[in-house]
Protein backbone atom coordinates (compact mmCIF):
# COMPACT_ATOMS: atom_id res chain seq x y z
CA MET A 1 155.14 51.68 79.68
CA GLY A 2 156.65 54.68 81.44
CA VAL A 3 155.40 58.24 81.92
CA GLY A 4 155.66 58.88 78.17
CA CYS A 5 152.77 56.49 77.45
CA TRP A 6 150.29 58.99 78.96
CA ARG A 7 151.12 61.40 76.18
CA ASN A 8 149.32 59.07 73.81
CA PRO A 9 145.64 60.15 73.78
CA LEU A 10 144.47 56.59 73.16
CA TRP A 11 146.12 55.37 76.38
CA LEU A 12 144.60 58.23 78.32
CA LEU A 13 141.14 57.56 76.89
CA THR A 14 141.46 53.86 77.71
CA ALA A 15 142.44 54.67 81.31
CA LEU A 16 139.44 57.04 81.69
CA VAL A 17 137.02 54.44 80.30
CA LEU A 18 138.38 51.78 82.65
CA ALA A 19 138.16 54.10 85.66
CA ALA A 20 134.56 54.99 84.78
CA ARG A 21 133.66 51.31 84.31
CA LEU A 22 135.15 50.46 87.67
CA GLY A 23 133.02 53.12 89.34
CA HIS A 24 135.69 55.67 90.20
CA PHE A 25 133.57 58.56 88.89
CA GLN A 26 130.27 59.62 90.43
CA ARG A 27 127.38 58.98 88.11
CA TRP A 28 124.95 61.88 87.72
CA GLU A 29 121.38 60.69 87.64
CA GLY A 30 119.91 63.66 85.73
CA PHE A 31 116.78 65.57 86.66
CA GLN A 32 114.49 63.82 89.10
CA GLU A 33 111.15 64.64 90.64
CA LYS A 34 112.17 65.18 94.25
CA SER A 35 110.53 67.49 96.70
CA MET A 36 112.65 70.52 97.53
CA SER A 37 112.95 71.78 101.04
CA LYS A 38 110.49 74.59 101.69
CA ALA A 39 113.35 77.04 102.26
CA ASN A 40 115.05 76.13 98.94
CA MET A 41 111.74 76.25 97.08
CA ASN A 42 110.81 79.66 98.49
CA SER A 43 114.21 81.21 97.80
CA THR A 44 114.39 79.74 94.27
CA LEU A 45 110.89 80.97 93.38
CA GLN A 46 111.60 84.36 94.95
CA PHE A 47 114.79 84.66 92.89
CA PHE A 48 112.91 83.77 89.70
CA MET A 49 110.10 86.25 90.39
CA GLU A 50 112.53 89.08 91.20
CA THR A 51 114.40 88.36 87.97
CA TYR A 52 111.15 88.16 85.99
CA ASN A 53 109.68 91.35 87.46
CA ASN A 54 112.94 93.28 86.98
CA ALA A 55 113.00 92.35 83.28
CA SER A 56 109.28 92.99 82.73
CA ASN A 57 107.87 96.24 81.38
CA ASP A 58 104.49 95.58 82.99
CA THR A 59 103.08 98.25 85.32
CA TYR A 60 102.15 95.56 87.86
CA LEU A 61 104.20 92.90 89.61
CA PHE A 62 103.67 89.21 88.96
CA GLN A 63 103.85 86.43 91.51
CA VAL A 64 103.70 82.65 91.55
CA ASP A 65 100.09 81.56 91.48
CA LYS A 66 100.69 77.81 91.33
CA LEU A 67 103.65 75.45 91.30
CA LEU A 68 103.07 73.00 88.45
CA ARG A 69 106.24 70.88 88.45
CA SER A 70 109.65 70.84 90.08
CA GLN A 71 112.67 68.70 89.27
CA MET A 72 116.18 68.83 90.62
CA GLN A 73 119.62 67.61 89.64
CA LEU A 74 122.76 67.61 91.75
CA THR A 75 125.84 68.96 89.98
CA THR A 76 128.47 71.24 91.47
CA GLY A 77 125.46 72.89 93.08
CA VAL A 78 121.77 72.18 92.51
CA GLU A 79 119.88 72.72 89.28
CA TYR A 80 116.13 73.20 89.50
CA MET A 81 113.85 72.83 86.48
CA ILE A 82 110.52 74.34 87.50
CA SER A 83 107.15 75.04 85.86
CA VAL A 84 104.87 77.61 87.46
CA LYS A 85 101.78 79.63 86.70
CA ILE A 86 102.42 83.29 87.46
CA SER A 87 99.73 85.96 87.60
CA ARG A 88 99.58 89.74 87.62
CA THR A 89 98.98 91.21 91.07
CA LYS A 90 97.32 94.41 92.23
CA CYS A 91 100.70 95.81 93.33
CA LYS A 92 102.46 98.26 91.07
CA ARG A 93 106.18 97.93 90.36
CA ASN A 94 107.20 100.53 92.95
CA SER A 95 105.17 98.84 95.70
CA THR A 96 106.91 97.98 98.95
CA ARG A 97 104.20 95.60 100.15
CA ASN A 98 105.24 92.06 101.00
CA SER A 99 101.94 90.47 100.04
CA CYS A 100 100.04 91.32 96.88
CA PRO A 101 96.67 89.85 95.94
CA ILE A 102 96.19 88.47 92.43
CA GLN A 103 94.52 90.93 90.06
CA SER A 104 90.72 90.43 90.00
CA LYS A 105 89.66 93.05 87.44
CA LYS A 106 88.85 91.27 84.20
CA LYS A 107 90.71 93.78 81.99
CA LEU A 108 93.85 93.60 84.13
CA LYS A 109 93.98 89.81 84.69
CA LYS A 110 96.96 88.18 83.04
CA SER A 111 98.72 84.87 83.62
CA PHE A 112 101.66 82.98 82.15
CA ILE A 113 102.97 79.45 82.37
CA CYS A 114 106.73 79.70 82.87
CA ASP A 115 109.37 77.01 82.63
CA PHE A 116 112.75 77.93 84.01
CA LEU A 117 116.09 76.44 84.90
CA VAL A 118 117.96 77.85 87.88
CA TYR A 119 121.44 76.89 89.01
CA THR A 120 121.98 77.48 92.70
CA VAL A 121 124.51 76.90 95.42
CA PRO A 122 122.03 77.29 98.30
CA TRP A 123 124.61 77.20 101.09
CA MET A 124 126.31 80.22 99.47
CA ASN A 125 123.03 82.01 98.62
CA TYR A 126 124.07 82.00 94.94
CA TYR A 127 121.46 81.83 92.15
CA GLN A 128 121.73 82.06 88.39
CA LEU A 129 118.87 81.88 85.89
CA TRP A 130 120.09 79.71 83.04
CA ASN A 131 116.95 79.56 80.95
CA ASN A 132 113.32 80.59 81.05
CA SER A 133 110.32 80.80 78.77
CA CYS A 134 106.83 82.02 79.52
CA LEU A 135 103.68 81.57 77.46
CA GLU A 136 100.38 83.30 78.10
CA ALA A 137 98.00 81.03 79.98
C-alpha cells in the first residue's frame, strides 16, 4: 500500500469517510436562531436596504419597519437568513437625510415582507446578497 494506492478513488473516499467519522472535519450545524450583535445586524440590514433601494424604481426610499426573523450560519464567513417588513418612507430617492419617517398618506403607504440571504465577512466589511424575495404585505 504505497503512494500509488491513493490514485484509486475508492481508497481516497474510504480515507475521507474514516477521517470524518473520527471527527477530523468541523461539522457545520446549519442555520440557527442566534441573536446577532447589534453592529452586525445594523450593517447587514443597511446593506440589504441599500441594495433594495438601488434596484427599486420607486420614487421613495424604503426602510426596515420590523425585524421578523433572523438566523445565522457560520461558514467561511457568516450567512444571515433574515425576514423583515420594509415600508415606504417619506424620503425621495435623492434624499440625503439619515432618518426618514414611514409614509403616512394612505395612497402612498406600501409595505413588503422580504426574505433574504446575505453572505458576509464582517471583519473585512464584505457583504454579498445571495438571494432575496419580497411580497407585498
